[in-house]
Each structure stands twice: as C-alpha cells, then as structure tokens.
Amino acid sequence: MRRSTIIGAVLVGGLALAGCTPSEAPSDQPPAPGTPPPATAQAHAGQHGQGEHGQASGEHTATDREFAQQLLANAQQVLELAQLAGSKAQSAEVKALATQLQQSAQEQVATLTSWLGSAAGQQSGSAPEDDGDDADAPGPLSAQQVQQLQQLSGTQFDQQWKQAMLTLQQNAGQLARTEQEEGSAQQMRQLAEELVANEQATLARLNALR
C-alpha cells in the first residue's frame, strides 16, 4: 500500500512538471538565428519606424513649401526684368528672349500661387490665411540691383540685364535640384524636373547674347 502511494505521488509530480514547457519559462539565452522577435518587440519597432517616417514627411513638406516660395520670388523678378527689356533693351535678341522668359515665368507664378494656396501647399495644421506672410520670400536680386537696372538703357541695359537674368536662371536651377533631392510633393517635383531639363538651353541662349 505504501509503495502504491509513492508511485502515485511521483506520477502527479511528473505531470505537473510536464505542464510547464520550456517555451513558457524565461530564458537568458539569445534566440537562434532566423528566429522572429517577439510580437511586443515587433510592435515597438513598428511604432519607432512610423515616428521617424512621420518626421521625415514633415521635413519634406517644409522643403516643398520653401521651394515654391523661393521659386515664386525668383519668377516674379524674372517677370519684372522681362517687362523692363520691352522698353529699355536695344537688342532685338534680348527683347525676343525676354518675351519667352516672361511667358514661362507667368506660368510658374500661376502654378506656384495656386499650389501654395491649396491644401497640399499648407503647413500641417495651418489655414491658408495663416501662411500668407510665408509666401513673401525675397528674390535673389536685391532691390538696389533692380533699381540700378531700371536706370539703364541701350547696350548698357542689355549687358546688365543679361547678367541679372543669368543669376535668376541659375538660382532657379539650384532650387529645382534641391527639390528633386529632398522634395516629396508630386506637382513641385514635376516643376523642378522641367526647370532642370530646360536650364542648359536657357543659359546657353543668355550667354550667346551680345
């Protein structure tokens, strides 16, 4: 009778030990290569990744806005110089190129103004009226440079106009390349691609002016 009791106790103890599997017991050993991390670790990693992506998206939005604002200021100065050429330039080639650049700048101004005023062009959490001052970015030419050009005429105007317009076109190209590298808004990236594609031809025509 005593022997039966001992055997029964041993069986019960064995069943209790079998209920605690190795997978449930904590272990200090690192997981085997190729073993997926626990679900809690995966969830934490996913949240961390989303945070980094969200921050990057915010930076890209700021880059797109900065590109649009600065290119708008650049295009407005192109318009101003193109209009000056109509009345002050002596060279027919300068006047013809000014007309073409004026048309391109008008299209840019319309596109950029529309985008900056749309929901896509607004800063996160801001209303269109809150961003009005941000759009007034300075152009690459100072007010003094533009004023000096306004006081010239004939061949002197032609030469100074050429240099000023080269500055504007080179600035637009640099803005476009930065947008290509860092921007994310499809419409702004498309505009940047067009500017880069046409940049060399425009610079060549300006440099060919005499």
C-alpha atoms as a PDB file:
ATOM      1  CA  MET A   1       0.000   0.000   0.000  1.00  0.00           C
ATOM      2  CA  ARG A   2       2.808   2.370   0.884  1.00  0.00           C
ATOM      3  CA  ARG A   3       4.520   1.532  -2.435  1.00  0.00           C
ATOM      4  CA  SER A   4       1.363   2.448  -4.426  1.00  0.00           C
ATOM      5  CA  THR A   5       1.146   5.814  -2.655  1.00  0.00           C
ATOM      6  CA  ILE A   6       4.751   6.678  -3.520  1.00  0.00           C
ATOM      7  CA  ILE A   7       4.285   5.739  -7.184  1.00  0.00           C
ATOM      8  CA  GLY A   8       1.141   7.905  -7.403  1.00  0.00           C
ATOM      9  CA  ALA A   9       2.966  10.897  -5.955  1.00  0.00           C
ATOM     10  CA  VAL A  10       5.773  10.520  -8.456  1.00  0.00           C
ATOM     11  CA  LEU A  11       3.295  10.415 -11.377  1.00  0.00           C
ATOM     12  CA  VAL A  12       1.489  13.539 -10.181  1.00  0.00           C
ATOM     13  CA  GLY A  13       4.775  15.409  -9.820  1.00  0.00           C
ATOM     14  CA  GLY A  14       5.817  14.376 -13.327  1.00  0.00           C
ATOM     15  CA  LEU A  15       2.580  15.662 -14.834  1.00  0.00           C
ATOM     16  CA  ALA A  16       2.994  18.998 -13.062  1.00  0.00           C
ATOM     17  CA  LEU A  17       6.484  19.407 -14.450  1.00  0.00           C
ATOM     18  CA  ALA A  18       5.300  18.485 -17.938  1.00  0.00           C
ATOM     19  CA  GLY A  19       2.726  21.305 -17.809  1.00  0.00           C
ATOM     20  CA  CYS A  20       5.500  23.916 -17.605  1.00  0.00           C
ATOM     21  CA  THR A  21       7.003  23.754 -21.100  1.00  0.00           C
ATOM     22  CA  PRO A  22      10.425  25.249 -21.909  1.00  0.00           C
ATOM     23  CA  SER A  23       8.777  27.849 -24.175  1.00  0.00           C
ATOM     24  CA  GLU A  24       6.883  29.338 -21.223  1.00  0.00           C
ATOM     25  CA  ALA A  25       9.877  29.550 -18.944  1.00  0.00           C
ATOM     26  CA  PRO A  26      12.000  32.707 -19.162  1.00  0.00           C
ATOM     27  CA  SER A  27      15.415  32.255 -20.685  1.00  0.00           C
ATOM     28  CA  ASP A  28      18.535  34.363 -20.778  1.00  0.00           C
ATOM     29  CA  GLN A  29      19.776  32.657 -23.920  1.00  0.00           C
ATOM     30  CA  PRO A  30      19.618  34.740 -27.174  1.00  0.00           C
ATOM     31  CA  PRO A  31      17.178  33.499 -29.840  1.00  0.00           C
ATOM     32  CA  ALA A  32      18.510  31.217 -32.539  1.00  0.00           C
ATOM     33  CA  PRO A  33      19.488  32.869 -35.844  1.00  0.00           C
ATOM     34  CA  GLY A  34      16.452  33.402 -38.069  1.00  0.00           C
ATOM     35  CA  THR A  35      14.016  33.335 -35.126  1.00  0.00           C
ATOM     36  CA  PRO A  36      11.499  36.216 -35.432  1.00  0.00           C
ATOM     37  CA  PRO A  37      11.451  38.675 -32.497  1.00  0.00           C
ATOM     38  CA  PRO A  38       8.554  38.595 -30.025  1.00  0.00           C
ATOM     39  CA  ALA A  39       5.346  40.347 -31.037  1.00  0.00           C
ATOM     40  CA  THR A  40       5.917  43.107 -28.460  1.00  0.00           C
ATOM     41  CA  ALA A  41       9.339  43.883 -29.937  1.00  0.00           C
ATOM     42  CA  GLN A  42       7.874  43.969 -33.455  1.00  0.00           C
ATOM     43  CA  ALA A  43       5.141  46.373 -32.358  1.00  0.00           C
ATOM     44  CA  HIS A  44       7.672  48.645 -30.659  1.00  0.00           C
ATOM     45  CA  ALA A  45       9.880  48.666 -33.740  1.00  0.00           C
ATOM     46  CA  GLY A  46       6.901  49.483 -35.951  1.00  0.00           C
ATOM     47  CA  GLN A  47       5.930  52.440 -33.777  1.00  0.00           C
ATOM     48  CA  HIS A  48       9.519  53.700 -33.799  1.00  0.00           C
ATOM     49  CA  GLY A  49       9.693  53.454 -37.581  1.00  0.00           C
ATOM     50  CA  GLN A  50       6.406  55.295 -38.019  1.00  0.00           C
ATOM     51  CA  GLY A  51       7.697  58.109 -35.845  1.00  0.00           C
ATOM     52  CA  GLU A  52      10.809  58.523 -37.942  1.00  0.00           C
ATOM     53  CA  HIS A  53       8.818  58.426 -41.197  1.00  0.00           C
ATOM     54  CA  GLY A  54       6.361  60.965 -39.874  1.00  0.00           C
ATOM     55  CA  GLN A  55       9.189  63.332 -39.038  1.00  0.00           C
ATOM     56  CA  ALA A  56      10.738  62.861 -42.461  1.00  0.00           C
ATOM     57  CA  SER A  57       7.406  63.553 -44.125  1.00  0.00           C
ATOM     58  CA  GLY A  58       7.147  66.811 -42.200  1.00  0.00           C
ATOM     59  CA  GLU A  59      10.621  67.862 -43.357  1.00  0.00           C
ATOM     60  CA  HIS A  60       9.715  67.057 -46.967  1.00  0.00           C
ATOM     61  CA  THR A  61       6.586  69.195 -46.752  1.00  0.00           C
ATOM     62  CA  ALA A  62       8.682  72.096 -45.481  1.00  0.00           C
ATOM     63  CA  THR A  63      11.127  71.578 -48.347  1.00  0.00           C
ATOM     64  CA  ASP A  64       8.322  71.694 -50.911  1.00  0.00           C
ATOM     65  CA  ARG A  65       6.937  74.910 -49.426  1.00  0.00           C
ATOM     66  CA  GLU A  66      10.353  76.533 -49.306  1.00  0.00           C
ATOM     67  CA  PHE A  67      10.968  75.583 -52.930  1.00  0.00           C
ATOM     68  CA  ALA A  68       7.610  77.021 -54.006  1.00  0.00           C
ATOM     69  CA  GLN A  69       8.068  80.259 -52.059  1.00  0.00           C
ATOM     70  CA  GLN A  70      11.603  80.922 -53.263  1.00  0.00           C
ATOM     71  CA  LEU A  71      10.878  79.963 -56.860  1.00  0.00           C
ATOM     72  CA  LEU A  72       7.825  82.244 -56.806  1.00  0.00           C
ATOM     73  CA  ALA A  73      10.001  85.175 -55.727  1.00  0.00           C
ATOM     74  CA  ASN A  74      12.507  84.244 -58.442  1.00  0.00           C
ATOM     75  CA  ALA A  75       9.807  84.078 -61.136  1.00  0.00           C
ATOM     76  CA  GLN A  76       8.383  87.437 -60.078  1.00  0.00           C
ATOM     77  CA  GLN A  77      11.786  89.044 -60.582  1.00  0.00           C
ATOM     78  CA  VAL A  78      12.073  87.371 -63.988  1.00  0.00           C
ATOM     79  CA  LEU A  79       8.738  88.974 -64.886  1.00  0.00           C
ATOM     80  CA  GLU A  80       9.945  92.371 -63.721  1.00  0.00           C
ATOM     81  CA  LEU A  81      13.158  92.170 -65.737  1.00  0.00           C
ATOM     82  CA  ALA A  82      11.383  90.831 -68.813  1.00  0.00           C
ATOM     83  CA  GLN A  83       8.980  93.765 -68.768  1.00  0.00           C
ATOM     84  CA  LEU A  84      11.889  96.189 -68.433  1.00  0.00           C
ATOM     85  CA  ALA A  85      13.523  94.685 -71.510  1.00  0.00           C
ATOM     86  CA  GLY A  86      10.461  95.510 -73.569  1.00  0.00           C
ATOM     87  CA  SER A  87      11.044  99.234 -73.130  1.00  0.00           C
ATOM     88  CA  LYS A  88      14.765  99.589 -72.391  1.00  0.00           C
ATOM     89  CA  ALA A  89      16.602  96.901 -74.362  1.00  0.00           C
ATOM     90  CA  GLN A  90      18.307  97.792 -77.614  1.00  0.00           C
ATOM     91  CA  SER A  91      18.980  94.283 -78.934  1.00  0.00           C
ATOM     92  CA  ALA A  92      16.145  92.534 -80.742  1.00  0.00           C
ATOM     93  CA  GLU A  93      17.519  89.228 -79.436  1.00  0.00           C
ATOM     94  CA  VAL A  94      17.258  90.448 -75.849  1.00  0.00           C
ATOM     95  CA  LYS A  95      13.667  91.529 -76.416  1.00  0.00           C
ATOM     96  CA  ALA A  96      12.737  88.218 -78.049  1.00  0.00           C
ATOM     97  CA  LEU A  97      14.274  86.141 -75.258  1.00  0.00           C
ATOM     98  CA  ALA A  98      12.690  88.385 -72.645  1.00  0.00           C
ATOM     99  CA  THR A  99       9.266  87.689 -74.158  1.00  0.00           C
ATOM    100  CA  GLN A 100       9.797  83.929 -73.935  1.00  0.00           C
ATOM    101  CA  LEU A 101      11.119  84.098 -70.377  1.00  0.00           C
ATOM    102  CA  GLN A 102       8.186  86.281 -69.408  1.00  0.00           C
ATOM    103  CA  GLN A 103       5.730  83.664 -70.647  1.00  0.00           C
ATOM    104  CA  SER A 104       7.482  80.888 -68.723  1.00  0.00           C
ATOM    105  CA  ALA A 105       7.615  82.997 -65.572  1.00  0.00           C
ATOM    106  CA  GLN A 106       3.903  83.791 -65.816  1.00  0.00           C
ATOM    107  CA  GLU A 107       3.121  80.073 -65.955  1.00  0.00           C
ATOM    108  CA  GLN A 108       5.365  79.425 -62.956  1.00  0.00           C
ATOM    109  CA  VAL A 109       3.741  82.189 -60.916  1.00  0.00           C
ATOM    110  CA  ALA A 110       0.270  80.818 -61.663  1.00  0.00           C
ATOM    111  CA  THR A 111       1.279  77.251 -60.743  1.00  0.00           C
ATOM    112  CA  LEU A 112       3.135  78.207 -57.571  1.00  0.00           C
ATOM    113  CA  THR A 113       0.488  80.634 -56.325  1.00  0.00           C
ATOM    114  CA  SER A 114      -2.211  78.026 -56.845  1.00  0.00           C
ATOM    115  CA  TRP A 115      -0.222  75.295 -55.074  1.00  0.00           C
ATOM    116  CA  LEU A 116       0.720  77.470 -52.109  1.00  0.00           C
ATOM    117  CA  GLY A 117      -2.931  78.432 -51.685  1.00  0.00           C
ATOM    118  CA  SER A 118      -4.177  74.845 -51.892  1.00  0.00           C
ATOM    119  CA  ALA A 119      -4.481  72.305 -49.094  1.00  0.00           C
ATOM    120  CA  ALA A 120      -1.410  70.478 -50.421  1.00  0.00           C
ATOM    121  CA  GLY A 121       0.718  73.588 -50.045  1.00  0.00           C
ATOM    122  CA  GLN A 122      -0.304  74.442 -46.495  1.00  0.00           C
ATOM    123  CA  GLN A 123       1.737  73.689 -43.427  1.00  0.00           C
ATOM    124  CA  SER A 124       0.331  70.910 -41.273  1.00  0.00           C
ATOM    125  CA  GLY A 125      -2.439  72.227 -39.038  1.00  0.00           C
ATOM    126  CA  SER A 126      -2.500  75.725 -40.530  1.00  0.00           C
ATOM    127  CA  ALA A 127      -5.141  77.541 -42.503  1.00  0.00           C
ATOM    128  CA  PRO A 128      -4.379  79.283 -45.823  1.00  0.00           C
ATOM    129  CA  GLU A 129      -4.697  82.739 -44.243  1.00  0.00           C
ATOM    130  CA  ASP A 130      -2.105  81.795 -41.609  1.00  0.00           C
ATOM    131  CA  ASP A 131       0.589  81.255 -44.248  1.00  0.00           C
ATOM    132  CA  GLY A 132       0.193  84.465 -46.223  1.00  0.00           C
ATOM    133  CA  ASP A 133       3.389  86.075 -44.905  1.00  0.00           C
ATOM    134  CA  ASP A 134       5.473  82.969 -45.616  1.00  0.00           C
ATOM    135  CA  ALA A 135       4.934  83.344 -49.354  1.00  0.00           C
ATOM    136  CA  ASP A 136       6.727  86.727 -49.417  1.00  0.00           C
ATOM    137  CA  ALA A 137      10.225  85.292 -49.819  1.00  0.00           C
ATOM    138  CA  PRO A 138      12.910  87.649 -51.177  1.00  0.00           C
ATOM    139  CA  GLY A 139      14.242  87.130 -54.687  1.00  0.00           C
ATOM    140  CA  PRO A 140      17.943  86.566 -55.404  1.00  0.00           C
ATOM    141  CA  LEU A 141      18.359  90.112 -56.742  1.00  0.00           C
ATOM    142  CA  SER A 142      18.417  92.949 -54.240  1.00  0.00           C
ATOM    143  CA  ALA A 143      16.130  95.953 -54.601  1.00  0.00           C
ATOM    144  CA  GLN A 144      19.216  98.065 -55.308  1.00  0.00           C
ATOM    145  CA  GLN A 145      20.255  95.821 -58.214  1.00  0.00           C
ATOM    146  CA  VAL A 146      16.809  96.053 -59.784  1.00  0.00           C
ATOM    147  CA  GLN A 147      16.744  99.815 -59.268  1.00  0.00           C
ATOM    148  CA  GLN A 148      20.121 100.251 -60.947  1.00  0.00           C
ATOM    149  CA  LEU A 149      18.924  98.217 -63.915  1.00  0.00           C
ATOM    150  CA  GLN A 150      15.844 100.415 -64.220  1.00  0.00           C
ATOM    151  CA  GLN A 151      18.082 103.455 -64.671  1.00  0.00           C
ATOM    152  CA  LEU A 152      19.968 101.968 -67.629  1.00  0.00           C
ATOM    153  CA  SER A 153      19.060 101.753 -71.302  1.00  0.00           C
ATOM    154  CA  GLY A 154      20.522 100.669 -74.635  1.00  0.00           C
ATOM    155  CA  THR A 155      23.604  98.442 -74.717  1.00  0.00           C
ATOM    156  CA  GLN A 156      24.387  99.078 -71.048  1.00  0.00           C
ATOM    157  CA  PHE A 157      20.973  97.780 -70.122  1.00  0.00           C
ATOM    158  CA  ASP A 158      21.389  94.757 -72.386  1.00  0.00           C
ATOM    159  CA  GLN A 159      24.629  93.696 -70.672  1.00  0.00           C
ATOM    160  CA  GLN A 160      23.384  94.220 -67.132  1.00  0.00           C
ATOM    161  CA  TRP A 161      20.053  92.582 -67.944  1.00  0.00           C
ATOM    162  CA  LYS A 162      21.895  89.533 -69.271  1.00  0.00           C
ATOM    163  CA  GLN A 163      23.905  89.162 -66.052  1.00  0.00           C
ATOM    164  CA  ALA A 164      20.862  89.653 -63.841  1.00  0.00           C
ATOM    165  CA  MET A 165      18.822  87.130 -65.806  1.00  0.00           C
ATOM    166  CA  LEU A 166      21.671  84.611 -65.654  1.00  0.00           C
ATOM    167  CA  THR A 167      21.610  84.961 -61.871  1.00  0.00           C
ATOM    168  CA  LEU A 168      17.875  84.304 -61.797  1.00  0.00           C
ATOM    169  CA  GLN A 169      18.062  81.278 -64.076  1.00  0.00           C
ATOM    170  CA  GLN A 170      20.963  79.747 -62.153  1.00  0.00           C
ATOM    171  CA  ASN A 171      19.124  80.309 -58.883  1.00  0.00           C
ATOM    172  CA  ALA A 172      16.003  78.618 -60.267  1.00  0.00           C
ATOM    173  CA  GLY A 173      18.097  75.638 -61.361  1.00  0.00           C
ATOM    174  CA  GLN A 174      19.666  75.280 -57.927  1.00  0.00           C
ATOM    175  CA  LEU A 175      16.266  75.448 -56.235  1.00  0.00           C
ATOM    176  CA  ALA A 176      14.964  72.801 -58.629  1.00  0.00           C
ATOM    177  CA  ARG A 177      17.840  70.410 -57.941  1.00  0.00           C
ATOM    178  CA  THR A 178      17.304  70.722 -54.203  1.00  0.00           C
ATOM    179  CA  GLU A 179      13.613  69.953 -54.677  1.00  0.00           C
ATOM    180  CA  GLN A 180      14.485  66.887 -56.750  1.00  0.00           C
ATOM    181  CA  GLU A 181      16.733  65.593 -53.973  1.00  0.00           C
ATOM    182  CA  GLU A 182      14.613  66.441 -50.941  1.00  0.00           C
ATOM    183  CA  GLY A 183      11.065  67.266 -52.029  1.00  0.00           C
ATOM    184  CA  SER A 184       8.070  64.950 -51.983  1.00  0.00           C
ATOM    185  CA  ALA A 185       5.117  66.879 -53.474  1.00  0.00           C
ATOM    186  CA  GLN A 186       4.463  65.436 -56.929  1.00  0.00           C
ATOM    187  CA  GLN A 187       3.471  68.734 -58.566  1.00  0.00           C
ATOM    188  CA  MET A 188       6.526  70.572 -57.212  1.00  0.00           C
ATOM    189  CA  ARG A 189       8.883  67.764 -58.184  1.00  0.00           C
ATOM    190  CA  GLN A 190       7.442  67.769 -61.703  1.00  0.00           C
ATOM    191  CA  LEU A 191       8.005  71.521 -61.967  1.00  0.00           C
ATOM    192  CA  ALA A 192      11.571  71.050 -60.724  1.00  0.00           C
ATOM    193  CA  GLU A 193      12.225  68.399 -63.371  1.00  0.00           C
ATOM    194  CA  GLU A 194      11.000  70.749 -66.108  1.00  0.00           C
ATOM    195  CA  LEU A 195      13.264  73.539 -64.867  1.00  0.00           C
ATOM    196  CA  VAL A 196      16.330  71.304 -64.789  1.00  0.00           C
ATOM    197  CA  ALA A 197      15.540  69.912 -68.242  1.00  0.00           C
ATOM    198  CA  ASN A 198      15.337  73.424 -69.754  1.00  0.00           C
ATOM    199  CA  GLU A 199      18.090  75.063 -67.700  1.00  0.00           C
ATOM    200  CA  GLN A 200      21.059  74.474 -70.003  1.00  0.00           C
ATOM    201  CA  ALA A 201      19.230  75.641 -73.126  1.00  0.00           C
ATOM    202  CA  THR A 202      18.126  78.861 -71.413  1.00  0.00           C
ATOM    203  CA  LEU A 203      21.606  79.569 -70.044  1.00  0.00           C
ATOM    204  CA  ALA A 204      23.103  78.951 -73.489  1.00  0.00           C
ATOM    205  CA  ARG A 205      20.758  81.483 -75.088  1.00  0.00           C
ATOM    206  CA  LEU A 206      21.567  84.072 -72.429  1.00  0.00           C
ATOM    207  CA  ASN A 207      25.311  83.551 -72.771  1.00  0.00           C
ATOM    208  CA  ALA A 208      25.014  83.909 -76.557  1.00  0.00           C
ATOM    209  CA  LEU A 209      23.615  87.448 -76.226  1.00  0.00           C
ATOM    210  CA  ARG A 210      25.988  90.216 -77.309  1.00  0.00           C
END
